[in-house]
Amino acid sequence: MADLLNSPPTSGKTASPRSAAEVEALVREHLPLVGYIARETSSRLPRHLDSDDLTGAGALALVQAAQSFDPSLGVPFARFANTRIRGAMIDQMRQRDWATRSLRSRARALAATSEALTVALGRTPVDSELAAASGLTESEIGEIRGGQDRASLLSLDSFTPEGEGLAATLRDPAPQPEDALVAAERVGYLRDAIAELPDRLRKVVSGYYLESRPLTELATELNVTQSRVSQLRAEGLELLREALSRLLEADAKAGAGAVTNPSQGARGRRRDAYVDAVARRSTVKRRVDVGRYLSANSDVDARL
């Protein structure tokens, strides 16, 4: 309020400079006038505006009226401010209204005709009756209603006693940050695990699952039987499961994905070497790339 009181008047001229104290006294004395006019005007308020919008515009107009008021004109300040406040509130509604003045005027006339017919007929009139009574065609009536619907907005602010409005019903389909982080880490490990598979296993797994190629085509390319390709696919999936389960478990316990319990035998050591290669293939920062996970820029990322 203090900033408003000290701001220069935007229009009109004063007969003599008015002190800030005099302006403040006028504003404080007539401030209830703003609330009264806002309540009176709210009956014409579009749904996407509330009385606070009108009150703000009216309060600013009251301050400007106090700054520019000239008592020598013989007009009481209340009447002078009333005109300024109403004008500011009407301007506020027009600025925030998506519908044209012509559309609003036609809509009001149509509503008045519909109300009169409802009283006369004892029921809601159909469009053909409205058209006959208003001199419009049914198509024009539809256009007016469509224009009103397009110009009607709903506030996302709360408007129910429970404090839940339209905004409370909206849900963001994107993953929550913690969910996206976990999913990005899994996708990162899977990407690294596929890249570290032995050449033939990688070709089969990538070709079948990521490129949707049939096993017969892969068998021909690798010059093996379809049965052998199925075995290669199973071996690849087993290695992927081994790497992901051990690395994610290790990350949860100690981080860095180090293999804590070395396996026995040559086959076990080969698995350990594979898991260790997957763990070392990329850094944590690159692996847990949430932006890459969410955007899924490449076809491989999207399918993973």
Protein backbone atom coordinates (compact mmCIF):
# COMPACT_ATOMS: atom_id res chain seq x y z
CA MET A 1 0.00 0.00 0.00
CA ALA A 2 2.85 2.36 0.83
CA ASP A 3 4.33 1.90 -2.66
CA LEU A 4 0.99 2.68 -4.22
CA LEU A 5 0.50 5.78 -2.12
CA ASN A 6 3.92 7.14 -3.01
CA SER A 7 3.60 6.45 -6.76
CA PRO A 8 2.80 9.43 -9.01
CA PRO A 9 -0.72 9.80 -10.42
CA THR A 10 -1.16 8.25 -13.87
CA SER A 11 -3.85 10.58 -15.11
CA GLY A 12 -5.55 13.85 -14.24
CA LYS A 13 -4.10 16.96 -12.62
CA THR A 14 -4.40 18.26 -9.10
CA ALA A 15 -5.19 21.90 -8.28
CA SER A 16 -2.41 21.80 -5.68
CA PRO A 17 0.01 19.05 -4.62
CA ARG A 18 -1.49 16.71 -2.04
CA SER A 19 0.73 15.28 0.68
CA ALA A 20 1.15 11.57 1.17
CA ALA A 21 -0.66 11.83 4.50
CA GLU A 22 -3.72 13.42 2.82
CA VAL A 23 -3.75 10.76 0.11
CA GLU A 24 -3.48 8.00 2.70
CA ALA A 25 -6.33 9.50 4.73
CA LEU A 26 -8.62 9.55 1.67
CA VAL A 27 -7.70 5.98 0.73
CA ARG A 28 -8.22 4.60 4.25
CA GLU A 29 -11.56 6.37 4.64
CA HIS A 30 -12.94 5.11 1.32
CA LEU A 31 -11.30 1.67 1.15
CA PRO A 32 -14.59 -0.11 2.03
CA LEU A 33 -15.97 1.36 -1.21
CA VAL A 34 -13.66 -0.95 -3.16
CA GLY A 35 -15.04 -4.05 -1.47
CA TYR A 36 -18.63 -2.92 -1.96
CA ILE A 37 -18.18 -2.29 -5.69
CA ALA A 38 -16.25 -5.57 -6.12
CA ARG A 39 -19.11 -7.55 -4.57
CA GLU A 40 -21.62 -5.71 -6.71
CA THR A 41 -19.61 -6.31 -9.89
CA SER A 42 -18.79 -9.96 -9.15
CA SER A 43 -22.16 -11.09 -10.55
CA ARG A 44 -20.73 -10.41 -14.03
CA LEU A 45 -17.36 -11.93 -13.22
CA PRO A 46 -16.01 -14.57 -15.67
CA ARG A 47 -15.25 -17.92 -14.06
CA HIS A 48 -11.50 -17.57 -14.49
CA LEU A 49 -11.45 -14.35 -12.45
CA ASP A 50 -12.16 -13.99 -8.76
CA SER A 51 -13.05 -11.04 -6.57
CA ASP A 52 -9.39 -10.58 -5.56
CA ASP A 53 -8.58 -9.55 -9.14
CA LEU A 54 -11.27 -6.88 -9.00
CA THR A 55 -10.28 -5.75 -5.53
CA GLY A 56 -6.66 -5.25 -6.60
CA ALA A 57 -7.64 -3.20 -9.65
CA GLY A 58 -10.11 -1.19 -7.59
CA ALA A 59 -7.59 -0.45 -4.82
CA LEU A 60 -5.09 0.87 -7.35
CA ALA A 61 -7.80 3.04 -8.92
CA LEU A 62 -8.71 4.40 -5.47
CA VAL A 63 -5.11 5.46 -4.82
CA GLN A 64 -4.89 7.13 -8.23
CA ALA A 65 -8.20 8.91 -7.61
CA ALA A 66 -6.93 10.21 -4.24
CA GLN A 67 -3.80 11.52 -5.92
CA SER A 68 -5.61 13.31 -8.75
CA PHE A 69 -8.75 14.50 -6.91
CA ASP A 70 -9.50 18.20 -7.25
CA PRO A 71 -12.02 19.36 -4.59
CA SER A 72 -12.45 22.70 -6.39
CA LEU A 73 -14.56 20.94 -9.04
CA GLY A 74 -17.36 20.52 -6.51
CA VAL A 75 -17.66 16.75 -6.91
CA PRO A 76 -17.61 14.67 -3.71
CA PHE A 77 -14.60 12.37 -3.55
CA ALA A 78 -16.77 9.29 -3.03
CA ARG A 79 -18.57 9.90 -6.35
CA PHE A 80 -15.31 10.72 -8.11
CA ALA A 81 -13.61 7.57 -6.79
CA ASN A 82 -16.68 5.42 -7.51
CA THR A 83 -16.42 6.16 -11.22
CA ARG A 84 -12.68 5.45 -11.29
CA ILE A 85 -13.02 2.20 -9.33
CA ARG A 86 -15.85 0.82 -11.47
CA GLY A 87 -13.99 1.70 -14.64
CA ALA A 88 -10.84 -0.04 -13.44
CA MET A 89 -12.75 -3.20 -12.52
CA ILE A 90 -14.52 -3.28 -15.90
CA ASP A 91 -11.19 -2.81 -17.66
CA GLN A 92 -9.74 -5.68 -15.62
CA MET A 93 -12.56 -7.99 -16.67
CA ARG A 94 -12.23 -7.02 -20.33
CA GLN A 95 -8.46 -7.51 -20.33
CA ARG A 96 -8.78 -11.00 -18.89
CA ASP A 97 -11.78 -12.01 -20.99
CA TRP A 98 -11.02 -14.10 -24.07
CA ALA A 99 -14.42 -13.41 -25.60
CA THR A 100 -15.11 -10.28 -27.64
CA ARG A 101 -17.60 -7.67 -26.44
CA SER A 102 -19.81 -8.56 -29.41
CA LEU A 103 -19.89 -12.22 -28.40
CA ARG A 104 -20.69 -11.37 -24.78
CA SER A 105 -23.49 -9.03 -25.90
CA ARG A 106 -25.03 -11.66 -28.19
CA ALA A 107 -24.71 -14.29 -25.48
CA ARG A 108 -26.52 -12.07 -22.94
CA ALA A 109 -29.31 -11.39 -25.42
CA LEU A 110 -29.65 -15.11 -26.15
CA ALA A 111 -29.72 -15.91 -22.43
CA ALA A 112 -32.47 -13.32 -21.85
CA THR A 113 -34.53 -14.79 -24.68
CA SER A 114 -34.04 -18.31 -23.34
CA GLU A 115 -35.11 -17.21 -19.85
CA ALA A 116 -38.25 -15.54 -21.18
CA LEU A 117 -39.19 -18.62 -23.23
CA THR A 118 -38.58 -20.89 -20.25
CA VAL A 119 -41.05 -18.86 -18.19
CA ALA A 120 -43.61 -18.81 -21.02
CA LEU A 121 -43.33 -22.48 -22.00
CA GLY A 122 -42.74 -23.92 -18.53
CA ARG A 123 -39.72 -25.82 -19.85
CA THR A 124 -36.33 -25.25 -21.43
CA PRO A 125 -36.80 -24.16 -25.07
CA VAL A 126 -35.20 -26.14 -27.88
CA ASP A 127 -32.89 -24.46 -30.38
CA SER A 128 -35.58 -24.12 -33.06
CA GLU A 129 -37.77 -22.17 -30.63
CA LEU A 130 -34.82 -20.02 -29.55
CA ALA A 131 -34.01 -19.30 -33.18
CA ALA A 132 -37.58 -18.26 -33.97
CA ALA A 133 -37.77 -15.97 -30.94
CA SER A 134 -34.32 -14.38 -31.30
CA GLY A 135 -34.19 -14.00 -35.06
CA LEU A 136 -31.03 -16.08 -35.24
CA THR A 137 -30.44 -19.33 -37.06
CA GLU A 138 -29.73 -22.52 -35.15
CA SER A 139 -26.22 -22.45 -36.61
CA GLU A 140 -25.64 -18.95 -35.20
CA ILE A 141 -26.89 -20.09 -31.80
CA GLY A 142 -24.37 -22.94 -31.90
CA GLU A 143 -21.59 -20.51 -32.80
CA ILE A 144 -22.45 -18.26 -29.87
CA ARG A 145 -22.39 -21.18 -27.43
CA GLY A 146 -19.16 -22.49 -28.90
CA GLY A 147 -17.56 -19.07 -28.56
CA GLN A 148 -18.61 -18.91 -24.91
CA ASP A 149 -17.16 -22.37 -24.22
CA ARG A 150 -13.85 -21.49 -25.83
CA ALA A 151 -13.65 -18.27 -23.83
CA SER A 152 -14.46 -19.96 -20.52
CA LEU A 153 -11.45 -20.75 -18.38
CA LEU A 154 -11.20 -22.51 -15.05
CA SER A 155 -8.88 -21.39 -12.31
CA LEU A 156 -6.39 -23.98 -11.05
CA ASP A 157 -6.71 -22.50 -7.56
CA SER A 158 -8.77 -24.22 -4.93
CA PHE A 159 -12.50 -23.64 -5.09
CA THR A 160 -14.02 -26.29 -2.83
CA PRO A 161 -14.60 -26.26 0.94
CA GLU A 162 -12.08 -29.11 1.29
CA GLY A 163 -9.42 -26.94 -0.32
CA GLU A 164 -9.12 -29.12 -3.41
CA GLY A 165 -9.60 -27.49 -6.79
CA LEU A 166 -8.89 -28.43 -10.36
CA ALA A 167 -5.16 -28.29 -9.68
CA ALA A 168 -5.53 -31.10 -7.13
CA THR A 169 -6.92 -33.41 -9.82
CA LEU A 170 -3.96 -32.95 -12.19
CA ARG A 171 -1.23 -35.56 -12.09
CA ASP A 172 2.22 -35.38 -13.60
CA PRO A 173 2.78 -38.61 -15.58
CA ALA A 174 6.56 -38.17 -15.49
CA PRO A 175 8.49 -40.38 -13.04
CA GLN A 176 9.27 -38.92 -9.64
CA PRO A 177 12.94 -37.90 -9.20
CA GLU A 178 13.86 -40.89 -7.03
CA ASP A 179 12.07 -43.32 -9.38
CA ALA A 180 13.75 -41.79 -12.43
CA LEU A 181 17.14 -42.08 -10.71
CA VAL A 182 16.71 -45.79 -9.95
CA ALA A 183 15.33 -46.53 -13.43
CA ALA A 184 18.16 -44.59 -15.09
CA GLU A 185 20.74 -46.59 -13.13
CA ARG A 186 19.16 -49.88 -14.21
CA VAL A 187 19.02 -48.80 -17.84
CA GLY A 188 22.62 -47.61 -17.63
CA TYR A 189 23.80 -50.96 -16.26
CA LEU A 190 21.76 -52.83 -18.86
CA ARG A 191 23.28 -50.74 -21.64
CA ASP A 192 26.77 -51.47 -20.36
CA ALA A 193 25.97 -55.16 -19.82
CA ILE A 194 24.83 -55.59 -23.43
CA ALA A 195 27.91 -53.79 -24.71
CA GLU A 196 30.22 -56.11 -22.70
CA LEU A 197 28.62 -59.36 -23.89
CA PRO A 198 30.79 -61.59 -26.06
CA ASP A 199 30.42 -60.68 -29.71
CA ARG A 200 28.06 -63.45 -30.79
CA LEU A 201 25.88 -63.18 -27.70
CA ARG A 202 25.65 -59.40 -28.16
CA LYS A 203 24.60 -59.77 -31.80
CA VAL A 204 21.86 -62.23 -30.89
CA VAL A 205 20.51 -60.30 -27.88
CA SER A 206 20.63 -56.91 -29.63
CA GLY A 207 19.29 -58.28 -32.91
CA TYR A 208 16.39 -60.17 -31.35
CA TYR A 209 15.32 -57.82 -28.54
CA LEU A 210 16.36 -54.38 -29.75
CA GLU A 211 16.07 -54.72 -33.53
CA SER A 212 13.15 -57.23 -33.60
CA ARG A 213 14.96 -59.52 -36.00
CA PRO A 214 13.76 -63.15 -36.27
CA LEU A 215 15.97 -65.95 -35.00
CA THR A 216 16.08 -67.53 -38.45
CA GLU A 217 17.67 -64.39 -39.89
CA LEU A 218 20.21 -64.26 -37.06
CA ALA A 219 21.02 -67.94 -37.53
CA THR A 220 21.72 -67.37 -41.22
CA GLU A 221 23.92 -64.35 -40.46
CA LEU A 222 25.97 -66.26 -37.88
CA ASN A 223 25.99 -69.46 -39.98
CA VAL A 224 24.57 -71.59 -37.18
CA THR A 225 21.34 -73.49 -36.63
CA GLN A 226 18.22 -71.86 -35.17
CA SER A 227 18.59 -74.12 -32.14
CA ARG A 228 22.10 -72.76 -31.55
CA VAL A 229 20.84 -69.17 -31.83
CA SER A 230 18.24 -69.95 -29.15
CA GLN A 231 21.03 -71.27 -26.92
CA LEU A 232 23.08 -68.11 -27.52
CA ARG A 233 20.10 -65.95 -26.65
CA ALA A 234 19.55 -67.87 -23.40
CA GLU A 235 23.25 -67.59 -22.50
CA GLY A 236 23.18 -63.84 -23.16
CA LEU A 237 20.08 -63.32 -20.99
CA GLU A 238 21.63 -65.37 -18.18
CA LEU A 239 24.75 -63.19 -18.23
CA LEU A 240 22.66 -59.99 -18.25
CA ARG A 241 20.62 -61.16 -15.26
CA GLU A 242 23.78 -62.14 -13.41
CA ALA A 243 25.42 -58.76 -14.01
CA LEU A 244 22.37 -56.68 -13.14
CA SER A 245 21.47 -58.59 -9.99
CA ARG A 246 25.03 -58.57 -8.62
CA LEU A 247 25.86 -54.97 -9.55
CA LEU A 248 22.61 -53.47 -8.29
CA GLU A 249 22.92 -55.45 -5.06
CA ALA A 250 26.54 -54.38 -4.67
CA ASP A 251 25.63 -50.74 -5.33
CA ALA A 252 22.91 -50.91 -2.69
CA LYS A 253 25.38 -52.29 -0.13
CA ALA A 254 28.71 -50.68 -0.88
CA GLY A 255 28.57 -48.74 -4.17
CA ALA A 256 30.98 -48.97 -7.10
CA GLY A 257 29.68 -52.37 -8.12
CA ALA A 258 32.70 -54.37 -7.05
CA VAL A 259 32.38 -58.14 -6.99
CA THR A 260 32.57 -59.07 -3.32
CA ASN A 261 32.39 -62.91 -3.44
CA PRO A 262 34.64 -64.39 -6.18
CA SER A 263 33.17 -67.45 -7.88
CA GLN A 264 34.89 -70.80 -8.06
CA GLY A 265 36.01 -72.53 -11.24
CA ALA A 266 36.90 -71.28 -14.70
CA ARG A 267 33.29 -70.61 -15.66
CA GLY A 268 32.69 -68.66 -12.46
CA ARG A 269 35.82 -66.60 -12.99
CA ARG A 270 34.72 -65.73 -16.53
CA ARG A 271 31.42 -64.52 -15.12
CA ASP A 272 33.23 -62.47 -12.49
CA ALA A 273 35.41 -60.91 -15.18
CA TYR A 274 32.33 -60.06 -17.24
CA VAL A 275 30.51 -58.48 -14.29
CA ASP A 276 33.64 -56.52 -13.36
CA ALA A 277 33.95 -55.26 -16.96
CA VAL A 278 30.34 -54.06 -16.89
CA ALA A 279 30.94 -52.27 -13.57
CA ARG A 280 34.01 -50.51 -14.95
CA ARG A 281 32.61 -49.64 -18.38
CA SER A 282 31.12 -46.28 -17.39
CA THR A 283 31.22 -43.84 -14.52
CA VAL A 284 28.40 -43.44 -12.07
CA LYS A 285 27.68 -39.96 -13.48
CA ARG A 286 27.29 -41.28 -17.01
CA ARG A 287 25.43 -44.40 -15.97
CA VAL A 288 22.89 -42.56 -13.80
CA ASP A 289 21.95 -40.10 -16.55
CA VAL A 290 18.34 -39.21 -15.75
CA GLY A 291 18.09 -36.74 -18.63
CA ARG A 292 19.12 -39.40 -21.11
CA TYR A 293 16.70 -41.87 -19.56
CA LEU A 294 13.76 -39.43 -19.69
CA SER A 295 14.42 -38.17 -23.21
CA ALA A 296 15.30 -41.61 -24.65
CA ASN A 297 16.96 -39.96 -27.62
CA SER A 298 18.05 -43.13 -29.38
CA ASP A 299 16.03 -46.18 -30.42
CA VAL A 300 18.16 -48.37 -28.16
CA ASP A 301 17.53 -46.12 -25.16
CA ALA A 302 13.82 -46.07 -25.87
CA ARG A 303 13.59 -49.85 -26.08
CA LEU A 304 15.77 -50.39 -23.04
